Amino acid sequence: MSRISEVSAEAAQQGRKLLIPYVVAGDPDLPTTLKLMHKLVADGADMIELGVPFSDPSSDGPVIQRGVERAKAIFAQTGADDALGKLLGGVPAGVIDIERELEIGVP
């Protein structure tokens, strides 16, 4: 069973909804994104959807569009792969397990 399935099943057994906040990676900067992710987990987030800035966020709402524009400036300065690597501390994009990250203490 995947981590997502496990968390979903646990919440269903407890009769509660999942809290899955969305965060734009790099908005307003990479250190703040990581601090925010830790805070969200500490405050009860079950999962975090980490959005990667892309070239055309027009299908998103205005708040996410502005976040993407701010983050794109960060990614443009460092390169997307380097920026994600810094954010995730070497954890591959798409394989993010916040619980594991907290256990190993990624700075």
N, C-alpha and C. Protein backbone atom coordinates (compact mmCIF):
# COMPACT_ATOMS: atom_id res chain seq x y z
N MET A 1 0.85 -1.18 0.00
CA MET A 1 0.00 0.00 0.00
C MET A 1 0.90 1.24 0.00
N SER A 2 0.56 2.22 -0.82
CA SER A 2 1.35 3.45 -0.89
C SER A 2 1.12 4.30 0.35
N ARG A 3 2.02 5.22 0.58
CA ARG A 3 1.90 6.15 1.73
C ARG A 3 0.60 6.95 1.61
N ILE A 4 0.24 7.36 0.40
CA ILE A 4 -0.99 8.12 0.20
C ILE A 4 -2.19 7.27 0.57
N SER A 5 -2.20 6.01 0.13
CA SER A 5 -3.30 5.10 0.47
C SER A 5 -3.39 4.87 1.97
N GLU A 6 -2.23 4.71 2.62
CA GLU A 6 -2.21 4.49 4.07
C GLU A 6 -2.79 5.68 4.83
N VAL A 7 -2.35 6.88 4.46
CA VAL A 7 -2.83 8.09 5.14
C VAL A 7 -4.33 8.27 4.88
N SER A 8 -4.76 8.02 3.67
CA SER A 8 -6.18 8.15 3.33
C SER A 8 -7.04 7.15 4.10
N ALA A 9 -6.57 5.91 4.18
CA ALA A 9 -7.31 4.88 4.92
C ALA A 9 -7.39 5.20 6.41
N GLU A 10 -6.29 5.69 6.96
CA GLU A 10 -6.26 6.06 8.38
C GLU A 10 -7.26 7.17 8.67
N ALA A 11 -7.30 8.18 7.82
CA ALA A 11 -8.25 9.28 8.01
C ALA A 11 -9.69 8.77 7.90
N ALA A 12 -9.95 7.89 6.95
CA ALA A 12 -11.30 7.34 6.78
C ALA A 12 -11.72 6.56 8.02
N GLN A 13 -10.81 5.77 8.58
CA GLN A 13 -11.11 5.00 9.79
C GLN A 13 -11.42 5.92 10.96
N GLN A 14 -10.76 7.08 10.98
CA GLN A 14 -10.98 8.04 12.06
C GLN A 14 -12.18 8.94 11.79
N GLY A 15 -12.78 8.78 10.61
CA GLY A 15 -13.94 9.58 10.25
C GLY A 15 -13.63 11.05 10.02
N ARG A 16 -12.43 11.32 9.51
CA ARG A 16 -12.05 12.72 9.27
C ARG A 16 -11.58 12.92 7.84
N LYS A 17 -11.60 14.16 7.44
CA LYS A 17 -11.12 14.54 6.12
C LYS A 17 -9.61 14.71 6.16
N LEU A 18 -8.99 14.63 4.99
CA LEU A 18 -7.55 14.87 4.88
C LEU A 18 -7.28 16.36 4.75
N LEU A 19 -6.19 16.79 5.34
CA LEU A 19 -5.71 18.15 5.16
C LEU A 19 -4.49 18.07 4.24
N ILE A 20 -4.66 18.57 3.00
CA ILE A 20 -3.60 18.51 1.99
C ILE A 20 -3.39 19.92 1.42
N PRO A 21 -2.59 20.74 2.10
CA PRO A 21 -2.35 22.08 1.58
C PRO A 21 -1.47 22.06 0.33
N TYR A 22 -1.61 23.09 -0.46
CA TYR A 22 -0.83 23.27 -1.69
C TYR A 22 0.17 24.39 -1.45
N VAL A 23 1.42 24.13 -1.81
CA VAL A 23 2.49 25.12 -1.66
C VAL A 23 3.24 25.21 -2.98
N VAL A 24 3.48 26.43 -3.45
CA VAL A 24 4.30 26.61 -4.65
C VAL A 24 5.77 26.56 -4.22
N ALA A 25 6.52 25.63 -4.76
CA ALA A 25 7.94 25.50 -4.42
C ALA A 25 8.68 26.78 -4.80
N GLY A 26 9.37 27.37 -3.84
CA GLY A 26 10.16 28.57 -4.12
C GLY A 26 9.44 29.87 -3.87
N ASP A 27 8.21 29.84 -3.35
CA ASP A 27 7.48 31.08 -3.09
C ASP A 27 7.34 31.28 -1.59
N PRO A 28 7.88 32.32 -1.03
CA PRO A 28 8.55 33.45 -1.66
C PRO A 28 10.02 33.18 -1.92
N ASP A 29 10.57 32.15 -1.25
CA ASP A 29 11.95 31.74 -1.49
C ASP A 29 12.08 30.29 -1.01
N LEU A 30 13.21 29.66 -1.31
CA LEU A 30 13.37 28.24 -0.97
C LEU A 30 13.43 27.97 0.53
N PRO A 31 14.18 28.73 1.33
CA PRO A 31 14.19 28.45 2.77
C PRO A 31 12.80 28.59 3.41
N THR A 32 12.03 29.59 2.97
CA THR A 32 10.69 29.78 3.53
C THR A 32 9.77 28.64 3.12
N THR A 33 9.92 28.15 1.89
CA THR A 33 9.10 27.02 1.45
C THR A 33 9.34 25.82 2.35
N LEU A 34 10.59 25.51 2.64
CA LEU A 34 10.90 24.36 3.48
C LEU A 34 10.39 24.57 4.90
N LYS A 35 10.57 25.76 5.46
CA LYS A 35 10.05 26.05 6.81
C LYS A 35 8.53 25.90 6.84
N LEU A 36 7.87 26.38 5.80
CA LEU A 36 6.42 26.28 5.72
C LEU A 36 5.98 24.82 5.66
N MET A 37 6.70 24.00 4.90
CA MET A 37 6.36 22.58 4.82
C MET A 37 6.47 21.92 6.19
N HIS A 38 7.53 22.22 6.93
CA HIS A 38 7.70 21.67 8.27
C HIS A 38 6.57 22.14 9.19
N LYS A 39 6.22 23.41 9.12
CA LYS A 39 5.16 23.97 9.96
C LYS A 39 3.82 23.33 9.63
N LEU A 40 3.54 23.13 8.35
CA LEU A 40 2.28 22.50 7.95
C LEU A 40 2.17 21.09 8.52
N VAL A 41 3.26 20.32 8.47
CA VAL A 41 3.26 18.97 9.02
C VAL A 41 3.07 19.03 10.54
N ALA A 42 3.78 19.92 11.20
CA ALA A 42 3.66 20.06 12.65
C ALA A 42 2.24 20.45 13.07
N ASP A 43 1.56 21.19 12.22
CA ASP A 43 0.20 21.65 12.52
C ASP A 43 -0.88 20.71 12.02
N GLY A 44 -0.48 19.53 11.51
CA GLY A 44 -1.48 18.52 11.20
C GLY A 44 -1.74 18.20 9.75
N ALA A 45 -0.96 18.76 8.84
CA ALA A 45 -1.17 18.40 7.42
C ALA A 45 -0.90 16.92 7.23
N ASP A 46 -1.79 16.25 6.53
CA ASP A 46 -1.62 14.83 6.25
C ASP A 46 -0.65 14.62 5.10
N MET A 47 -0.70 15.49 4.13
CA MET A 47 0.17 15.47 2.96
C MET A 47 0.35 16.91 2.51
N ILE A 48 1.33 17.15 1.66
CA ILE A 48 1.53 18.47 1.07
C ILE A 48 1.65 18.29 -0.43
N GLU A 49 0.87 19.07 -1.15
CA GLU A 49 1.03 19.09 -2.61
C GLU A 49 2.01 20.20 -2.93
N LEU A 50 3.15 19.84 -3.46
CA LEU A 50 4.20 20.80 -3.75
C LEU A 50 4.17 21.12 -5.24
N GLY A 51 3.77 22.33 -5.57
CA GLY A 51 3.66 22.75 -6.96
C GLY A 51 4.99 23.26 -7.47
N VAL A 52 5.37 22.79 -8.64
CA VAL A 52 6.61 23.22 -9.28
C VAL A 52 6.26 24.29 -10.30
N PRO A 53 6.88 25.48 -10.21
CA PRO A 53 6.58 26.55 -11.15
C PRO A 53 6.81 26.12 -12.60
N PHE A 54 5.90 26.51 -13.46
CA PHE A 54 6.04 26.20 -14.88
C PHE A 54 5.73 27.43 -15.69
N SER A 55 5.88 27.33 -16.98
CA SER A 55 5.86 28.52 -17.82
C SER A 55 4.51 29.19 -17.96
N ASP A 56 3.40 28.46 -17.85
CA ASP A 56 2.10 29.07 -18.09
C ASP A 56 1.09 28.65 -17.03
N PRO A 57 1.03 29.39 -15.91
CA PRO A 57 0.10 29.03 -14.85
C PRO A 57 -1.31 29.59 -15.07
N SER A 58 -1.66 29.96 -16.30
CA SER A 58 -2.93 30.64 -16.55
C SER A 58 -4.15 29.80 -16.19
N SER A 59 -4.01 28.48 -16.09
CA SER A 59 -5.16 27.65 -15.72
C SER A 59 -5.40 27.67 -14.21
N ASP A 60 -4.45 28.20 -13.45
CA ASP A 60 -4.61 28.32 -12.00
C ASP A 60 -5.25 29.66 -11.67
N GLY A 61 -5.70 29.78 -10.43
CA GLY A 61 -6.28 31.04 -9.98
C GLY A 61 -5.22 32.10 -9.76
N PRO A 62 -5.66 33.33 -9.47
CA PRO A 62 -4.71 34.45 -9.34
C PRO A 62 -3.70 34.31 -8.21
N VAL A 63 -4.06 33.69 -7.10
CA VAL A 63 -3.12 33.55 -5.99
C VAL A 63 -1.98 32.62 -6.38
N ILE A 64 -2.31 31.48 -6.97
CA ILE A 64 -1.28 30.53 -7.40
C ILE A 64 -0.47 31.13 -8.54
N GLN A 65 -1.10 31.86 -9.44
CA GLN A 65 -0.37 32.50 -10.54
C GLN A 65 0.70 33.44 -10.00
N ARG A 66 0.35 34.24 -8.99
CA ARG A 66 1.33 35.17 -8.42
C ARG A 66 2.46 34.41 -7.72
N GLY A 67 2.11 33.34 -7.02
CA GLY A 67 3.13 32.52 -6.37
C GLY A 67 4.08 31.90 -7.37
N VAL A 68 3.53 31.43 -8.48
CA VAL A 68 4.36 30.84 -9.54
C VAL A 68 5.30 31.88 -10.13
N GLU A 69 4.80 33.08 -10.35
CA GLU A 69 5.65 34.14 -10.91
C GLU A 69 6.80 34.48 -9.96
N ARG A 70 6.52 34.55 -8.65
CA ARG A 70 7.60 34.83 -7.69
C ARG A 70 8.60 33.68 -7.67
N ALA A 71 8.10 32.45 -7.67
CA ALA A 71 8.99 31.29 -7.62
C ALA A 71 9.80 31.14 -8.89
N LYS A 72 9.21 31.48 -10.03
CA LYS A 72 9.95 31.38 -11.29
C LYS A 72 11.19 32.26 -11.27
N ALA A 73 11.10 33.38 -10.58
CA ALA A 73 12.27 34.26 -10.47
C ALA A 73 13.39 33.56 -9.70
N ILE A 74 13.02 32.83 -8.64
CA ILE A 74 14.01 32.08 -7.86
C ILE A 74 14.61 30.97 -8.72
N PHE A 75 13.75 30.23 -9.42
CA PHE A 75 14.22 29.11 -10.23
C PHE A 75 15.07 29.60 -11.40
N ALA A 76 14.77 30.78 -11.92
CA ALA A 76 15.55 31.33 -13.02
C ALA A 76 16.97 31.68 -12.56
N GLN A 77 17.10 32.10 -11.31
CA GLN A 77 18.42 32.46 -10.78
C GLN A 77 19.30 31.24 -10.55
N THR A 78 18.69 30.11 -10.17
CA THR A 78 19.48 28.95 -9.77
C THR A 78 19.36 27.77 -10.73
N GLY A 79 18.36 27.79 -11.59
CA GLY A 79 18.06 26.63 -12.43
C GLY A 79 17.07 25.74 -11.69
N ALA A 80 16.07 25.26 -12.37
CA ALA A 80 15.00 24.50 -11.72
C ALA A 80 15.51 23.28 -10.98
N ASP A 81 16.39 22.50 -11.58
CA ASP A 81 16.88 21.29 -10.92
C ASP A 81 17.66 21.63 -9.66
N ASP A 82 18.51 22.65 -9.74
CA ASP A 82 19.30 23.05 -8.58
C ASP A 82 18.38 23.58 -7.47
N ALA A 83 17.37 24.37 -7.84
CA ALA A 83 16.46 24.93 -6.86
C ALA A 83 15.68 23.83 -6.16
N LEU A 84 15.17 22.86 -6.92
CA LEU A 84 14.44 21.75 -6.30
C LEU A 84 15.36 20.92 -5.42
N GLY A 85 16.58 20.70 -5.87
CA GLY A 85 17.55 19.96 -5.06
C GLY A 85 17.82 20.64 -3.74
N LYS A 86 17.96 21.97 -3.78
CA LYS A 86 18.18 22.72 -2.54
C LYS A 86 16.96 22.61 -1.63
N LEU A 87 15.78 22.73 -2.21
CA LEU A 87 14.56 22.68 -1.43
C LEU A 87 14.38 21.32 -0.78
N LEU A 88 14.59 20.28 -1.52
CA LEU A 88 14.30 18.93 -1.04
C LEU A 88 15.49 18.26 -0.38
N GLY A 89 16.64 18.92 -0.39
CA GLY A 89 17.81 18.36 0.26
C GLY A 89 18.23 17.02 -0.31
N GLY A 90 18.06 16.87 -1.62
CA GLY A 90 18.48 15.64 -2.27
C GLY A 90 17.39 14.60 -2.40
N VAL A 91 16.20 14.83 -1.81
CA VAL A 91 15.10 13.89 -1.97
C VAL A 91 14.55 14.09 -3.38
N PRO A 92 14.44 13.04 -4.19
CA PRO A 92 13.98 13.21 -5.57
C PRO A 92 12.59 13.82 -5.66
N ALA A 93 12.40 14.75 -6.58
CA ALA A 93 11.08 15.35 -6.80
C ALA A 93 10.10 14.24 -7.15
N GLY A 94 8.89 14.32 -6.62
CA GLY A 94 7.88 13.32 -6.89
C GLY A 94 7.92 12.15 -5.92
N VAL A 95 8.95 12.07 -5.08
CA VAL A 95 9.07 10.98 -4.11
C VAL A 95 9.24 11.61 -2.74
N ILE A 96 8.44 12.58 -2.45
CA ILE A 96 8.59 13.35 -1.22
C ILE A 96 7.78 12.70 -0.11
N ASP A 97 8.44 12.32 0.95
CA ASP A 97 7.78 11.78 2.12
C ASP A 97 8.20 12.69 3.28
N ILE A 98 7.33 13.61 3.64
CA ILE A 98 7.67 14.61 4.65
C ILE A 98 8.04 13.95 5.97
N GLU A 99 7.35 12.87 6.30
CA GLU A 99 7.68 12.19 7.56
C GLU A 99 9.14 11.74 7.55
N ARG A 100 9.59 11.17 6.45
CA ARG A 100 10.99 10.73 6.31
C ARG A 100 11.92 11.93 6.38
N GLU A 101 11.54 13.01 5.71
CA GLU A 101 12.39 14.20 5.71
C GLU A 101 12.56 14.72 7.13
N LEU A 102 11.49 14.75 7.89
CA LEU A 102 11.58 15.23 9.27
C LEU A 102 12.45 14.32 10.11
N GLU A 103 12.38 13.03 9.88
CA GLU A 103 13.18 12.08 10.65
C GLU A 103 14.67 12.25 10.37
N ILE A 104 15.04 12.53 9.12
CA ILE A 104 16.46 12.65 8.81
C ILE A 104 16.98 14.07 8.96
N GLY A 105 16.05 15.01 9.22
CA GLY A 105 16.47 16.38 9.54
C GLY A 105 17.13 17.12 8.39
N VAL A 106 16.53 17.06 7.20
CA VAL A 106 17.07 17.82 6.08
C VAL A 106 17.04 19.28 6.43
N PRO A 107 18.17 20.00 6.29
CA PRO A 107 18.19 21.42 6.69
C PRO A 107 17.31 22.27 5.80
